[in-house]
Amino acid sequence: MQNMRKGQTVRPRRLTTIQAQALEIPDAKNILHLQFRRFAGCPFCSVHLRSFARRHAEINAAGICEAVIFRSTATALLRHHGDVPFAVIADPKNELYTEFGVGSGLRALLHPRALLMALPHLIGGLPKLPGIPPWGKGALGFPADFLIATDGRVMACKYGTHADDHWSVDELLRIARDYKRP
């Protein structure tokens, strides 16, 4: 498993969302923000996705297409994230995770920031905990973010070092804005 790097080109493909819609990678008209999250019931991921859902209009206005990939089944994702206003992709076999070099490991949960952030979100998410997968790649997964140009080139990428290490909406908008400057 090798990490993607800025400047590399992702191979074109068509994925199917949990809503049975087609998602083209790369997107022909917009910059694509491809997020790799941990698993359907992940409290970090839920809070993070809600922040992107709240600002979805702003993200779209910036010319960014949002898509999120999880190491979960479509059924679990529909239960937890079926209402988000952007593409959600199930990758329970980790095929895309492997291709993009998105790993997993115990430090995803043992980082001090992850531990600090987990408590209030975990308590708030208790009713949905059946979505937590058995210990393994999903539960120990790292997040990753990729900004992909319309020609398939990776404009920017971030591999998280713990479960709560990902781009915020403000960071995404700044990175996309900086890329568009002449």
Protein backbone atom coordinates (compact mmCIF):
# COMPACT_ATOMS: atom_id res chain seq x y z
CA MET A 1 0.00 0.00 0.00
CA GLN A 2 1.58 3.26 -1.18
CA ASN A 3 0.44 6.79 -0.35
CA MET A 4 -0.81 9.06 -3.10
CA ARG A 5 1.16 12.24 -3.56
CA LYS A 6 0.39 15.70 -4.84
CA GLY A 7 0.74 15.70 -8.63
CA GLN A 8 -0.11 12.01 -9.10
CA THR A 9 -3.07 11.16 -11.30
CA VAL A 10 -5.90 8.95 -10.08
CA ARG A 11 -7.30 6.51 -12.57
CA PRO A 12 -10.80 7.36 -13.85
CA ARG A 13 -13.63 5.27 -12.49
CA ARG A 14 -17.32 5.29 -11.76
CA LEU A 15 -18.47 4.48 -8.24
CA THR A 16 -21.98 3.92 -6.96
CA THR A 17 -23.18 5.85 -3.92
CA ILE A 18 -25.32 4.41 -1.13
CA GLN A 19 -28.25 6.21 -2.83
CA ALA A 20 -27.54 4.24 -6.09
CA GLN A 21 -26.22 7.37 -7.86
CA ALA A 22 -23.11 7.35 -10.06
CA LEU A 23 -20.01 9.26 -8.96
CA GLU A 24 -17.32 9.91 -11.56
CA ILE A 25 -13.73 10.21 -10.38
CA PRO A 26 -12.45 12.64 -11.44
CA ASP A 27 -15.44 14.97 -11.65
CA ALA A 28 -15.56 16.57 -15.11
CA LYS A 29 -16.70 20.03 -13.91
CA ASN A 30 -15.63 20.45 -10.30
CA ILE A 31 -12.72 19.86 -8.00
CA LEU A 32 -13.43 16.68 -6.06
CA HIS A 33 -12.86 16.47 -2.33
CA LEU A 34 -12.56 12.75 -1.65
CA GLN A 35 -12.68 11.95 2.07
CA PHE A 36 -11.80 8.57 3.51
CA ARG A 37 -13.50 8.05 6.87
CA ARG A 38 -13.32 5.22 9.34
CA PHE A 39 -16.66 3.37 9.66
CA ALA A 40 -20.39 4.13 9.62
CA GLY A 41 -20.88 4.56 13.39
CA CYS A 42 -17.63 6.42 14.07
CA PRO A 43 -18.35 9.36 16.38
CA PHE A 44 -15.44 11.39 14.94
CA CYS A 45 -16.72 10.85 11.41
CA SER A 46 -20.30 11.72 12.31
CA VAL A 47 -19.35 15.05 13.85
CA HIS A 48 -17.01 15.80 10.96
CA LEU A 49 -19.61 14.97 8.29
CA ARG A 50 -22.26 17.09 10.00
CA SER A 51 -19.92 20.09 9.81
CA PHE A 52 -19.55 19.51 6.05
CA ALA A 53 -23.32 18.99 5.61
CA ARG A 54 -24.07 22.30 7.38
CA ARG A 55 -21.75 24.13 4.97
CA HIS A 56 -22.54 22.13 1.85
CA ALA A 57 -23.89 25.14 -0.08
CA GLU A 58 -20.68 27.05 0.62
CA ILE A 59 -18.56 24.09 -0.52
CA ASN A 60 -20.59 23.76 -3.73
CA ALA A 61 -20.34 27.51 -4.39
CA ALA A 62 -16.55 27.14 -4.24
CA GLY A 63 -16.71 24.63 -7.12
CA ILE A 64 -16.02 21.57 -4.95
CA CYS A 65 -17.83 18.25 -5.28
CA GLU A 66 -17.87 16.40 -1.96
CA ALA A 67 -17.62 12.59 -1.71
CA VAL A 68 -16.99 10.40 1.34
CA ILE A 69 -15.82 6.78 1.45
CA PHE A 70 -16.30 4.46 4.43
CA ARG A 71 -15.07 0.97 5.32
CA SER A 72 -18.68 -0.04 5.87
CA THR A 73 -21.58 -1.62 4.03
CA ALA A 74 -24.16 0.47 2.23
CA THR A 75 -26.80 -0.71 4.73
CA ALA A 76 -24.81 0.61 7.71
CA LEU A 77 -24.04 3.85 5.89
CA LEU A 78 -27.68 4.46 4.99
CA ARG A 79 -28.56 4.12 8.66
CA HIS A 80 -25.90 6.58 9.83
CA HIS A 81 -25.33 8.94 6.90
CA GLY A 82 -28.20 8.46 4.46
CA ASP A 83 -29.29 12.07 4.92
CA VAL A 84 -26.06 13.90 4.06
CA PRO A 85 -26.30 16.10 0.93
CA PHE A 86 -23.27 14.63 -0.85
CA ALA A 87 -22.03 11.32 -2.19
CA VAL A 88 -21.34 8.55 0.33
CA ILE A 89 -19.56 5.41 -0.93
CA ALA A 90 -19.38 1.99 0.74
CA ASP A 91 -15.99 0.24 0.52
CA PRO A 92 -16.29 -2.68 2.97
CA LYS A 93 -13.55 -4.64 1.16
CA ASN A 94 -11.06 -1.73 1.50
CA GLU A 95 -10.30 -1.67 -2.22
CA LEU A 96 -10.18 2.13 -2.49
CA TYR A 97 -8.42 2.42 0.87
CA THR A 98 -5.68 0.15 -0.42
CA GLU A 99 -5.39 1.96 -3.74
CA PHE A 100 -5.11 5.38 -2.06
CA GLY A 101 -2.80 4.12 0.69
CA VAL A 102 -5.16 4.86 3.58
CA GLY A 103 -4.13 2.69 6.50
CA SER A 104 -5.19 1.72 9.98
CA GLY A 105 -3.48 1.22 13.30
CA LEU A 106 -3.88 1.41 17.05
CA ARG A 107 -2.53 4.96 17.20
CA ALA A 108 -5.70 6.11 15.41
CA LEU A 109 -7.42 5.84 18.80
CA LEU A 110 -4.52 6.27 21.23
CA HIS A 111 -3.45 9.76 20.14
CA PRO A 112 -4.19 12.25 22.99
CA ARG A 113 -6.36 14.46 20.77
CA ALA A 114 -8.40 11.47 19.64
CA LEU A 115 -8.92 10.36 23.22
CA LEU A 116 -9.92 13.87 24.32
CA MET A 117 -12.34 14.34 21.44
CA ALA A 118 -13.87 10.88 21.74
CA LEU A 119 -15.53 11.17 25.12
CA PRO A 120 -18.30 13.70 24.45
CA HIS A 121 -18.99 12.36 20.96
CA LEU A 122 -19.01 8.76 22.07
CA ILE A 123 -21.50 9.54 24.84
CA GLY A 124 -23.70 11.46 22.39
CA GLY A 125 -23.59 8.61 19.89
CA LEU A 126 -24.45 5.77 22.29
CA PRO A 127 -27.83 5.01 20.68
CA LYS A 128 -26.09 4.32 17.34
CA LEU A 129 -23.23 2.17 18.64
CA PRO A 130 -24.36 -1.03 16.90
CA GLY A 131 -22.74 0.47 13.76
CA ILE A 132 -19.29 -0.02 15.26
CA PRO A 133 -17.51 -2.82 13.39
CA PRO A 134 -15.47 -5.53 15.03
CA TRP A 135 -11.94 -4.45 15.88
CA GLY A 136 -9.95 -4.21 12.72
CA LYS A 137 -9.27 -1.83 9.87
CA GLY A 138 -12.51 0.16 10.27
CA ALA A 139 -12.34 0.70 14.01
CA LEU A 140 -8.61 1.41 13.87
CA GLY A 141 -8.69 3.31 10.58
CA PHE A 142 -7.10 6.65 9.85
CA PRO A 143 -8.90 9.37 7.91
CA ALA A 144 -7.51 10.85 4.71
CA ASP A 145 -8.44 13.76 2.42
CA PHE A 146 -7.70 14.22 -1.28
CA LEU A 147 -8.44 17.21 -3.48
CA ILE A 148 -8.61 16.00 -7.08
CA ALA A 149 -8.62 18.28 -10.15
CA THR A 150 -10.93 17.71 -13.10
CA ASP A 151 -8.05 16.08 -15.00
CA GLY A 152 -7.50 13.55 -12.17
CA ARG A 153 -4.36 15.13 -10.68
CA VAL A 154 -4.11 15.13 -6.90
CA MET A 155 -3.98 18.84 -5.99
CA ALA A 156 -3.48 18.25 -2.27
CA CYS A 157 -3.76 15.38 0.17
CA LYS A 158 -3.64 14.71 3.88
CA TYR A 159 -3.19 11.38 5.64
CA GLY A 160 -4.50 11.66 9.20
CA THR A 161 -2.26 10.59 12.06
CA HIS A 162 -5.19 9.82 14.39
CA ALA A 163 -8.96 9.32 14.22
CA ASP A 164 -9.79 13.05 14.43
CA ASP A 165 -7.09 14.35 12.06
CA HIS A 166 -8.73 15.64 8.88
CA TRP A 167 -9.35 18.85 6.96
CA SER A 168 -12.02 21.16 8.32
CA VAL A 169 -14.36 22.96 5.93
CA ASP A 170 -12.28 26.12 6.37
CA GLU A 171 -9.07 24.26 5.50
CA LEU A 172 -10.68 22.67 2.44
CA LEU A 173 -11.94 26.04 1.18
CA ARG A 174 -8.54 27.67 1.74
CA ILE A 175 -6.67 24.87 -0.06
CA ALA A 176 -9.07 25.01 -3.03
CA ARG A 177 -8.88 28.83 -3.15
CA ASP A 178 -5.08 28.77 -3.04
CA TYR A 179 -5.00 26.25 -5.86
CA LYS A 180 -7.24 28.40 -8.08
CA ARG A 181 -5.05 31.50 -7.68
CA PRO A 182 -2.87 32.25 -10.73
